[in-house]
Amino acid sequence: MSIKEKLLEVHYEMLDGKIDVFQDMIRTMTEDAQNDAKSSAGDKHETTLSKMHIEQENLSNKIREAISAKEILKRIDPKKKSEVVGFGSLIRINAIYLFVSTALPKVFIDDYSVLAISEDAPLIKMLWGKKIFDEVTYNGSVFRINELE
């Protein structure tokens, strides 16, 4: 399995895990609200329900974000080798590995620390279309493309 395939697998698992946790939290809140409704009344009860509803909306937004990230990842062909930096590229600049996809937490694959980064990130915009061994200067630092997949 290639490093891109492993990266995609780890990211899918991470996002699926987040979705499951958020759905469980919503389910628990719904059950708590139903149980609370049986034993409470008045303004305090209404305030609690309102806060719970807001939190459920926030969790639902996080679920939508995770689903959206999965949709972005699905557009990547892990077998495609990049000739220039673009969507789906795995690049090493200096000592940093970047996976041009969507913004996700750093993961460790085969002794590599890889940061998934959006194509909208300023550094990626500067690297876009560059080839192996090209250099760009960003925030006063020179970044050289040492590997490109």
N, C-alpha and C. Protein backbone atom coordinates (compact mmCIF):
# COMPACT_ATOMS: atom_id res chain seq x y z
N MET A 1 0.85 -1.18 0.00
CA MET A 1 0.00 0.00 0.00
C MET A 1 0.90 1.25 0.00
N SER A 2 0.60 2.20 -0.87
CA SER A 2 1.41 3.41 -0.97
C SER A 2 1.16 4.33 0.22
N ILE A 3 2.03 5.29 0.42
CA ILE A 3 1.86 6.22 1.53
C ILE A 3 0.59 7.05 1.36
N LYS A 4 0.25 7.41 0.11
CA LYS A 4 -1.00 8.15 -0.12
C LYS A 4 -2.21 7.31 0.26
N GLU A 5 -2.18 6.02 -0.09
CA GLU A 5 -3.29 5.14 0.27
C GLU A 5 -3.41 5.03 1.78
N LYS A 6 -2.26 4.89 2.45
CA LYS A 6 -2.26 4.83 3.92
C LYS A 6 -2.77 6.13 4.53
N LEU A 7 -2.34 7.25 3.96
CA LEU A 7 -2.80 8.56 4.45
C LEU A 7 -4.32 8.67 4.33
N LEU A 8 -4.84 8.31 3.17
CA LEU A 8 -6.28 8.39 2.97
C LEU A 8 -7.01 7.48 3.95
N GLU A 9 -6.51 6.27 4.13
CA GLU A 9 -7.13 5.34 5.06
C GLU A 9 -7.16 5.89 6.49
N VAL A 10 -6.03 6.43 6.94
CA VAL A 10 -5.95 7.00 8.29
C VAL A 10 -6.90 8.19 8.43
N HIS A 11 -6.94 9.04 7.41
CA HIS A 11 -7.82 10.21 7.47
C HIS A 11 -9.29 9.80 7.46
N TYR A 12 -9.66 8.81 6.65
CA TYR A 12 -11.04 8.33 6.66
C TYR A 12 -11.41 7.78 8.04
N GLU A 13 -10.51 6.99 8.62
CA GLU A 13 -10.78 6.43 9.95
C GLU A 13 -10.92 7.53 10.99
N MET A 14 -10.06 8.54 10.91
CA MET A 14 -10.11 9.66 11.84
C MET A 14 -11.45 10.40 11.72
N LEU A 15 -11.84 10.69 10.49
CA LEU A 15 -13.09 11.41 10.27
C LEU A 15 -14.31 10.58 10.65
N ASP A 16 -14.29 9.28 10.32
CA ASP A 16 -15.39 8.40 10.73
C ASP A 16 -15.50 8.35 12.25
N GLY A 17 -14.36 8.31 12.93
CA GLY A 17 -14.36 8.31 14.39
C GLY A 17 -14.97 9.58 14.95
N LYS A 18 -14.62 10.72 14.37
CA LYS A 18 -15.19 11.99 14.81
C LYS A 18 -16.70 12.00 14.61
N ILE A 19 -17.13 11.56 13.44
CA ILE A 19 -18.56 11.53 13.13
C ILE A 19 -19.29 10.66 14.15
N ASP A 20 -18.75 9.48 14.45
CA ASP A 20 -19.38 8.58 15.42
C ASP A 20 -19.47 9.22 16.80
N VAL A 21 -18.40 9.88 17.24
CA VAL A 21 -18.39 10.52 18.56
C VAL A 21 -19.43 11.63 18.61
N PHE A 22 -19.46 12.48 17.57
CA PHE A 22 -20.43 13.58 17.56
C PHE A 22 -21.86 13.06 17.52
N GLN A 23 -22.11 12.00 16.74
CA GLN A 23 -23.46 11.43 16.69
C GLN A 23 -23.85 10.84 18.04
N ASP A 24 -22.92 10.19 18.72
CA ASP A 24 -23.19 9.66 20.06
C ASP A 24 -23.51 10.78 21.04
N MET A 25 -22.78 11.88 20.93
CA MET A 25 -23.03 13.01 21.82
C MET A 25 -24.43 13.59 21.58
N ILE A 26 -24.81 13.71 20.32
CA ILE A 26 -26.16 14.21 20.00
C ILE A 26 -27.22 13.25 20.54
N ARG A 27 -26.99 11.96 20.34
CA ARG A 27 -27.94 10.95 20.83
C ARG A 27 -28.09 11.04 22.36
N THR A 28 -26.98 11.18 23.05
CA THR A 28 -27.00 11.28 24.51
C THR A 28 -27.74 12.53 24.96
N MET A 29 -27.48 13.65 24.29
CA MET A 29 -28.18 14.89 24.63
C MET A 29 -29.67 14.77 24.41
N THR A 30 -30.06 14.12 23.33
CA THR A 30 -31.48 13.93 23.03
C THR A 30 -32.14 13.09 24.11
N GLU A 31 -31.47 12.01 24.52
CA GLU A 31 -32.00 11.16 25.59
C GLU A 31 -32.08 11.93 26.90
N ASP A 32 -31.05 12.70 27.22
CA ASP A 32 -31.05 13.50 28.44
C ASP A 32 -32.18 14.52 28.43
N ALA A 33 -32.42 15.13 27.28
CA ALA A 33 -33.50 16.12 27.16
C ALA A 33 -34.85 15.46 27.38
N GLN A 34 -35.02 14.25 26.84
CA GLN A 34 -36.29 13.55 27.01
C GLN A 34 -36.50 13.18 28.48
N ASN A 35 -35.44 12.71 29.13
CA ASN A 35 -35.55 12.35 30.54
C ASN A 35 -35.77 13.59 31.40
N ASP A 36 -35.10 14.68 31.06
CA ASP A 36 -35.23 15.92 31.82
C ASP A 36 -36.63 16.50 31.67
N ALA A 37 -37.22 16.34 30.49
CA ALA A 37 -38.55 16.87 30.23
C ALA A 37 -39.60 16.20 31.12
N LYS A 38 -39.35 14.97 31.49
CA LYS A 38 -40.29 14.23 32.32
C LYS A 38 -40.28 14.71 33.77
N SER A 39 -39.14 15.29 34.19
CA SER A 39 -39.00 15.63 35.60
C SER A 39 -38.85 17.12 35.88
N SER A 40 -38.84 17.96 34.84
CA SER A 40 -38.59 19.39 35.05
C SER A 40 -39.65 20.24 34.37
N ALA A 41 -39.73 21.46 34.86
CA ALA A 41 -40.63 22.43 34.24
C ALA A 41 -40.11 23.82 34.56
N GLY A 42 -40.61 24.81 33.81
CA GLY A 42 -40.27 26.18 34.12
C GLY A 42 -39.15 26.75 33.28
N ASP A 43 -38.74 27.97 33.66
CA ASP A 43 -37.73 28.71 32.91
C ASP A 43 -36.38 28.02 32.87
N LYS A 44 -35.98 27.43 34.01
CA LYS A 44 -34.69 26.76 34.07
C LYS A 44 -34.64 25.60 33.07
N HIS A 45 -35.72 24.88 32.98
CA HIS A 45 -35.83 23.78 32.04
C HIS A 45 -35.71 24.28 30.60
N GLU A 46 -36.41 25.37 30.29
CA GLU A 46 -36.38 25.93 28.94
C GLU A 46 -34.99 26.43 28.58
N THR A 47 -34.29 27.05 29.53
CA THR A 47 -32.93 27.54 29.30
C THR A 47 -31.99 26.37 29.03
N THR A 48 -32.13 25.31 29.81
CA THR A 48 -31.29 24.12 29.63
C THR A 48 -31.53 23.51 28.26
N LEU A 49 -32.81 23.39 27.87
CA LEU A 49 -33.14 22.83 26.56
C LEU A 49 -32.59 23.70 25.43
N SER A 50 -32.66 24.99 25.59
CA SER A 50 -32.15 25.91 24.57
C SER A 50 -30.63 25.75 24.41
N LYS A 51 -29.91 25.67 25.52
CA LYS A 51 -28.46 25.47 25.46
C LYS A 51 -28.12 24.13 24.82
N MET A 52 -28.90 23.10 25.16
CA MET A 52 -28.66 21.77 24.60
C MET A 52 -28.91 21.78 23.09
N HIS A 53 -29.94 22.51 22.68
CA HIS A 53 -30.25 22.59 21.25
C HIS A 53 -29.11 23.29 20.49
N ILE A 54 -28.56 24.34 21.05
CA ILE A 54 -27.44 25.04 20.43
C ILE A 54 -26.23 24.12 20.31
N GLU A 55 -25.96 23.36 21.36
CA GLU A 55 -24.83 22.42 21.32
C GLU A 55 -25.06 21.33 20.28
N GLN A 56 -26.29 20.87 20.16
CA GLN A 56 -26.60 19.87 19.13
C GLN A 56 -26.38 20.44 17.73
N GLU A 57 -26.74 21.70 17.53
CA GLU A 57 -26.50 22.34 16.24
C GLU A 57 -25.00 22.45 15.96
N ASN A 58 -24.22 22.81 16.98
CA ASN A 58 -22.77 22.89 16.81
C ASN A 58 -22.18 21.52 16.44
N LEU A 59 -22.64 20.48 17.10
CA LEU A 59 -22.17 19.13 16.79
C LEU A 59 -22.58 18.71 15.38
N SER A 60 -23.79 19.08 15.00
CA SER A 60 -24.26 18.77 13.64
C SER A 60 -23.39 19.46 12.60
N ASN A 61 -22.98 20.70 12.89
CA ASN A 61 -22.07 21.42 11.98
C ASN A 61 -20.73 20.70 11.88
N LYS A 62 -20.23 20.19 12.99
CA LYS A 62 -18.96 19.46 12.98
C LYS A 62 -19.09 18.17 12.18
N ILE A 63 -20.24 17.52 12.27
CA ILE A 63 -20.48 16.31 11.47
C ILE A 63 -20.46 16.66 9.99
N ARG A 64 -21.13 17.76 9.62
CA ARG A 64 -21.15 18.18 8.22
C ARG A 64 -19.74 18.51 7.73
N GLU A 65 -18.92 19.15 8.58
CA GLU A 65 -17.54 19.46 8.20
C GLU A 65 -16.73 18.19 7.95
N ALA A 66 -16.92 17.19 8.82
CA ALA A 66 -16.20 15.93 8.66
C ALA A 66 -16.64 15.21 7.38
N ILE A 67 -17.93 15.22 7.11
CA ILE A 67 -18.44 14.60 5.88
C ILE A 67 -17.90 15.34 4.66
N SER A 68 -17.85 16.66 4.73
CA SER A 68 -17.30 17.45 3.63
C SER A 68 -15.82 17.13 3.41
N ALA A 69 -15.06 16.97 4.48
CA ALA A 69 -13.64 16.61 4.36
C ALA A 69 -13.49 15.25 3.70
N LYS A 70 -14.37 14.30 4.06
CA LYS A 70 -14.32 12.97 3.43
C LYS A 70 -14.60 13.08 1.93
N GLU A 71 -15.54 13.93 1.55
CA GLU A 71 -15.87 14.11 0.14
C GLU A 71 -14.67 14.67 -0.63
N ILE A 72 -13.95 15.59 -0.01
CA ILE A 72 -12.76 16.15 -0.64
C ILE A 72 -11.71 15.05 -0.83
N LEU A 73 -11.51 14.23 0.20
CA LEU A 73 -10.52 13.16 0.12
C LEU A 73 -10.88 12.13 -0.95
N LYS A 74 -12.17 11.91 -1.16
CA LYS A 74 -12.61 10.93 -2.16
C LYS A 74 -12.22 11.33 -3.58
N ARG A 75 -11.95 12.62 -3.79
CA ARG A 75 -11.56 13.10 -5.13
C ARG A 75 -10.10 12.80 -5.44
N ILE A 76 -9.35 12.31 -4.47
CA ILE A 76 -7.92 12.06 -4.67
C ILE A 76 -7.69 10.64 -5.18
N ASP A 77 -6.92 10.54 -6.26
CA ASP A 77 -6.49 9.24 -6.77
C ASP A 77 -5.13 8.93 -6.15
N PRO A 78 -5.08 8.01 -5.19
CA PRO A 78 -3.82 7.76 -4.49
C PRO A 78 -2.74 7.13 -5.38
N LYS A 79 -3.12 6.62 -6.52
CA LYS A 79 -2.15 5.99 -7.42
C LYS A 79 -1.52 6.99 -8.38
N LYS A 80 -2.11 8.19 -8.46
CA LYS A 80 -1.60 9.20 -9.38
C LYS A 80 -0.34 9.85 -8.82
N LYS A 81 0.70 9.85 -9.61
CA LYS A 81 1.95 10.50 -9.23
C LYS A 81 1.93 11.92 -9.77
N SER A 82 2.20 12.88 -8.91
CA SER A 82 2.20 14.28 -9.31
C SER A 82 3.52 14.67 -9.96
N GLU A 83 3.42 15.37 -11.08
CA GLU A 83 4.60 15.93 -11.73
C GLU A 83 4.83 17.37 -11.24
N VAL A 84 3.72 18.01 -10.87
CA VAL A 84 3.76 19.36 -10.31
C VAL A 84 2.87 19.38 -9.08
N VAL A 85 3.10 20.34 -8.18
CA VAL A 85 2.29 20.45 -6.97
C VAL A 85 0.87 20.82 -7.35
N GLY A 86 -0.07 20.03 -6.85
CA GLY A 86 -1.48 20.26 -7.10
C GLY A 86 -2.30 19.47 -6.10
N PHE A 87 -3.60 19.48 -6.31
CA PHE A 87 -4.51 18.75 -5.42
C PHE A 87 -4.15 17.27 -5.41
N GLY A 88 -3.98 16.71 -4.22
CA GLY A 88 -3.65 15.31 -4.07
C GLY A 88 -2.16 15.02 -4.02
N SER A 89 -1.33 16.05 -4.18
CA SER A 89 0.13 15.86 -4.13
C SER A 89 0.59 15.59 -2.70
N LEU A 90 1.59 14.75 -2.60
CA LEU A 90 2.32 14.56 -1.35
C LEU A 90 3.70 15.13 -1.61
N ILE A 91 4.05 16.15 -0.84
CA ILE A 91 5.32 16.83 -1.08
C ILE A 91 6.15 16.89 0.20
N ARG A 92 7.44 16.91 0.00
CA ARG A 92 8.33 17.18 1.13
C ARG A 92 9.06 18.45 0.80
N ILE A 93 8.80 19.45 1.64
CA ILE A 93 9.53 20.71 1.51
C ILE A 93 10.40 20.81 2.76
N ASN A 94 11.69 21.01 2.52
CA ASN A 94 12.65 20.99 3.62
C ASN A 94 12.45 19.67 4.37
N ALA A 95 12.08 19.69 5.63
CA ALA A 95 11.88 18.45 6.37
C ALA A 95 10.40 18.19 6.67
N ILE A 96 9.52 18.89 5.98
CA ILE A 96 8.09 18.82 6.26
C ILE A 96 7.38 18.08 5.13
N TYR A 97 6.53 17.12 5.50
CA TYR A 97 5.69 16.45 4.50
C TYR A 97 4.31 17.08 4.53
N LEU A 98 3.82 17.45 3.36
CA LEU A 98 2.50 18.05 3.21
C LEU A 98 1.68 17.23 2.22
N PHE A 99 0.43 17.00 2.58
CA PHE A 99 -0.51 16.30 1.72
C PHE A 99 -1.56 17.32 1.30
N VAL A 100 -1.55 17.71 0.03
CA VAL A 100 -2.45 18.76 -0.46
C VAL A 100 -3.84 18.15 -0.64
N SER A 101 -4.71 18.44 0.32
CA SER A 101 -6.05 17.86 0.30
C SER A 101 -7.02 18.78 1.01
N THR A 102 -7.17 18.60 2.30
CA THR A 102 -8.00 19.44 3.14
C THR A 102 -7.31 19.55 4.49
N ALA A 103 -7.60 20.58 5.23
CA ALA A 103 -6.92 20.80 6.51
C ALA A 103 -7.35 19.74 7.53
N LEU A 104 -6.37 18.93 7.94
CA LEU A 104 -6.60 17.88 8.93
C LEU A 104 -5.39 17.82 9.86
N PRO A 105 -5.56 17.22 11.04
CA PRO A 105 -4.43 17.14 11.97
C PRO A 105 -3.27 16.32 11.41
N LYS A 106 -2.10 16.58 11.95
CA LYS A 106 -0.89 15.85 11.56
C LYS A 106 -1.08 14.37 11.91
N VAL A 107 -0.59 13.49 11.03
CA VAL A 107 -0.63 12.04 11.27
C VAL A 107 0.77 11.47 11.03
N PHE A 108 0.99 10.29 11.57
CA PHE A 108 2.27 9.61 11.39
C PHE A 108 2.05 8.35 10.59
N ILE A 109 2.74 8.26 9.45
CA ILE A 109 2.63 7.12 8.53
C ILE A 109 4.05 6.67 8.20
N ASP A 110 4.34 5.41 8.45
CA ASP A 110 5.65 4.85 8.09
C ASP A 110 6.81 5.76 8.51
N ASP A 111 6.82 6.20 9.73
CA ASP A 111 7.86 7.07 10.27
C ASP A 111 7.87 8.47 9.66
N TYR A 112 6.83 8.83 8.91
CA TYR A 112 6.70 10.17 8.36
C TYR A 112 5.65 10.93 9.17
N SER A 113 5.94 12.16 9.46
CA SER A 113 4.96 13.06 10.04
C SER A 113 4.39 13.86 8.88
N VAL A 114 3.07 13.74 8.63
CA VAL A 114 2.46 14.36 7.46
C VAL A 114 1.32 15.27 7.89
N LEU A 115 1.35 16.48 7.36
CA LEU A 115 0.29 17.43 7.63
C LEU A 115 -0.58 17.57 6.39
N ALA A 116 -1.87 17.29 6.53
CA ALA A 116 -2.80 17.49 5.42
C ALA A 116 -3.17 18.97 5.42
N ILE A 117 -3.05 19.58 4.27
CA ILE A 117 -3.23 21.03 4.17
C ILE A 117 -4.10 21.36 2.97
N SER A 118 -4.92 22.36 3.12
CA SER A 118 -5.84 22.76 2.07
C SER A 118 -5.10 23.43 0.92
N GLU A 119 -5.65 23.27 -0.26
CA GLU A 119 -5.07 23.93 -1.43
C GLU A 119 -5.23 25.45 -1.34
N ASP A 120 -6.04 25.93 -0.42
CA ASP A 120 -6.22 27.37 -0.22
C ASP A 120 -5.19 27.98 0.72
N ALA A 121 -4.36 27.17 1.35
CA ALA A 121 -3.34 27.67 2.27
C ALA A 121 -2.33 28.52 1.49
N PRO A 122 -1.90 29.63 2.06
CA PRO A 122 -0.97 30.52 1.34
C PRO A 122 0.30 29.83 0.84
N LEU A 123 0.89 28.96 1.65
CA LEU A 123 2.12 28.27 1.21
C LEU A 123 1.83 27.38 0.00
N ILE A 124 0.71 26.67 0.03
CA ILE A 124 0.36 25.79 -1.09
C ILE A 124 0.10 26.62 -2.35
N LYS A 125 -0.54 27.77 -2.19
CA LYS A 125 -0.77 28.64 -3.35
C LYS A 125 0.55 29.04 -4.00
N MET A 126 1.57 29.26 -3.17
CA MET A 126 2.88 29.63 -3.72
C MET A 126 3.56 28.42 -4.39
N LEU A 127 3.32 27.24 -3.85
CA LEU A 127 3.95 26.02 -4.39
C LEU A 127 3.19 25.46 -5.60
N TRP A 128 1.95 25.88 -5.77
CA TRP A 128 1.07 25.32 -6.81
C TRP A 128 1.75 25.37 -8.18
N GLY A 129 1.78 24.23 -8.84
CA GLY A 129 2.34 24.15 -10.19
C GLY A 129 3.86 24.02 -10.23
N LYS A 130 4.50 24.07 -9.07
CA LYS A 130 5.97 23.95 -9.02
C LYS A 130 6.36 22.49 -9.16
N LYS A 131 7.62 22.27 -9.57
CA LYS A 131 8.16 20.93 -9.80
C LYS A 131 9.17 20.59 -8.70
N ILE A 132 9.60 19.34 -8.72
CA ILE A 132 10.61 18.91 -7.77
C ILE A 132 11.86 19.78 -7.91
N PHE A 133 12.43 20.12 -6.79
CA PHE A 133 13.63 20.96 -6.63
C PHE A 133 13.38 22.45 -6.84
N ASP A 134 12.14 22.84 -7.18
CA ASP A 134 11.82 24.27 -7.22
C ASP A 134 11.81 24.82 -5.80
N GLU A 135 12.03 26.13 -5.69
CA GLU A 135 12.05 26.78 -4.39
C GLU A 135 11.11 27.98 -4.39
N VAL A 136 10.53 28.24 -3.21
CA VAL A 136 9.74 29.45 -3.01
C VAL A 136 10.16 30.05 -1.67
N THR A 137 9.97 31.35 -1.55
CA THR A 137 10.24 32.02 -0.28
C THR A 137 8.90 32.44 0.31
N TYR A 138 8.69 32.02 1.55
CA TYR A 138 7.43 32.31 2.24
C TYR A 138 7.76 32.75 3.66
N ASN A 139 7.26 33.92 4.03
CA ASN A 139 7.52 34.48 5.37
C ASN A 139 9.01 34.49 5.70
N GLY A 140 9.82 34.81 4.74
CA GLY A 140 11.26 34.92 4.97
C GLY A 140 12.02 33.61 4.97
N SER A 141 11.32 32.49 4.79
CA SER A 141 11.98 31.19 4.75
C SER A 141 11.93 30.63 3.34
N VAL A 142 13.01 29.95 2.96
CA VAL A 142 13.08 29.33 1.63
C VAL A 142 12.61 27.89 1.78
N PHE A 143 11.65 27.49 0.94
CA PHE A 143 11.15 26.13 0.94
C PHE A 143 11.48 25.49 -0.40
N ARG A 144 12.14 24.36 -0.32
CA ARG A 144 12.54 23.62 -1.52
C ARG A 144 11.75 22.31 -1.58
N ILE A 145 11.23 22.01 -2.76
CA ILE A 145 10.49 20.77 -2.95
C ILE A 145 11.51 19.65 -3.15
N ASN A 146 11.66 18.80 -2.17
CA ASN A 146 12.64 17.71 -2.21
C ASN A 146 12.04 16.40 -2.72
N GLU A 147 10.76 16.20 -2.48
CA GLU A 147 10.05 15.01 -2.98
C GLU A 147 8.68 15.45 -3.43
N LEU A 148 8.17 14.73 -4.43
CA LEU A 148 6.85 15.04 -4.96
C LEU A 148 6.22 13.75 -5.47
N GLU A 149 5.07 13.43 -4.94
CA GLU A 149 4.32 12.24 -5.39
C GLU A 149 2.93 12.66 -5.80
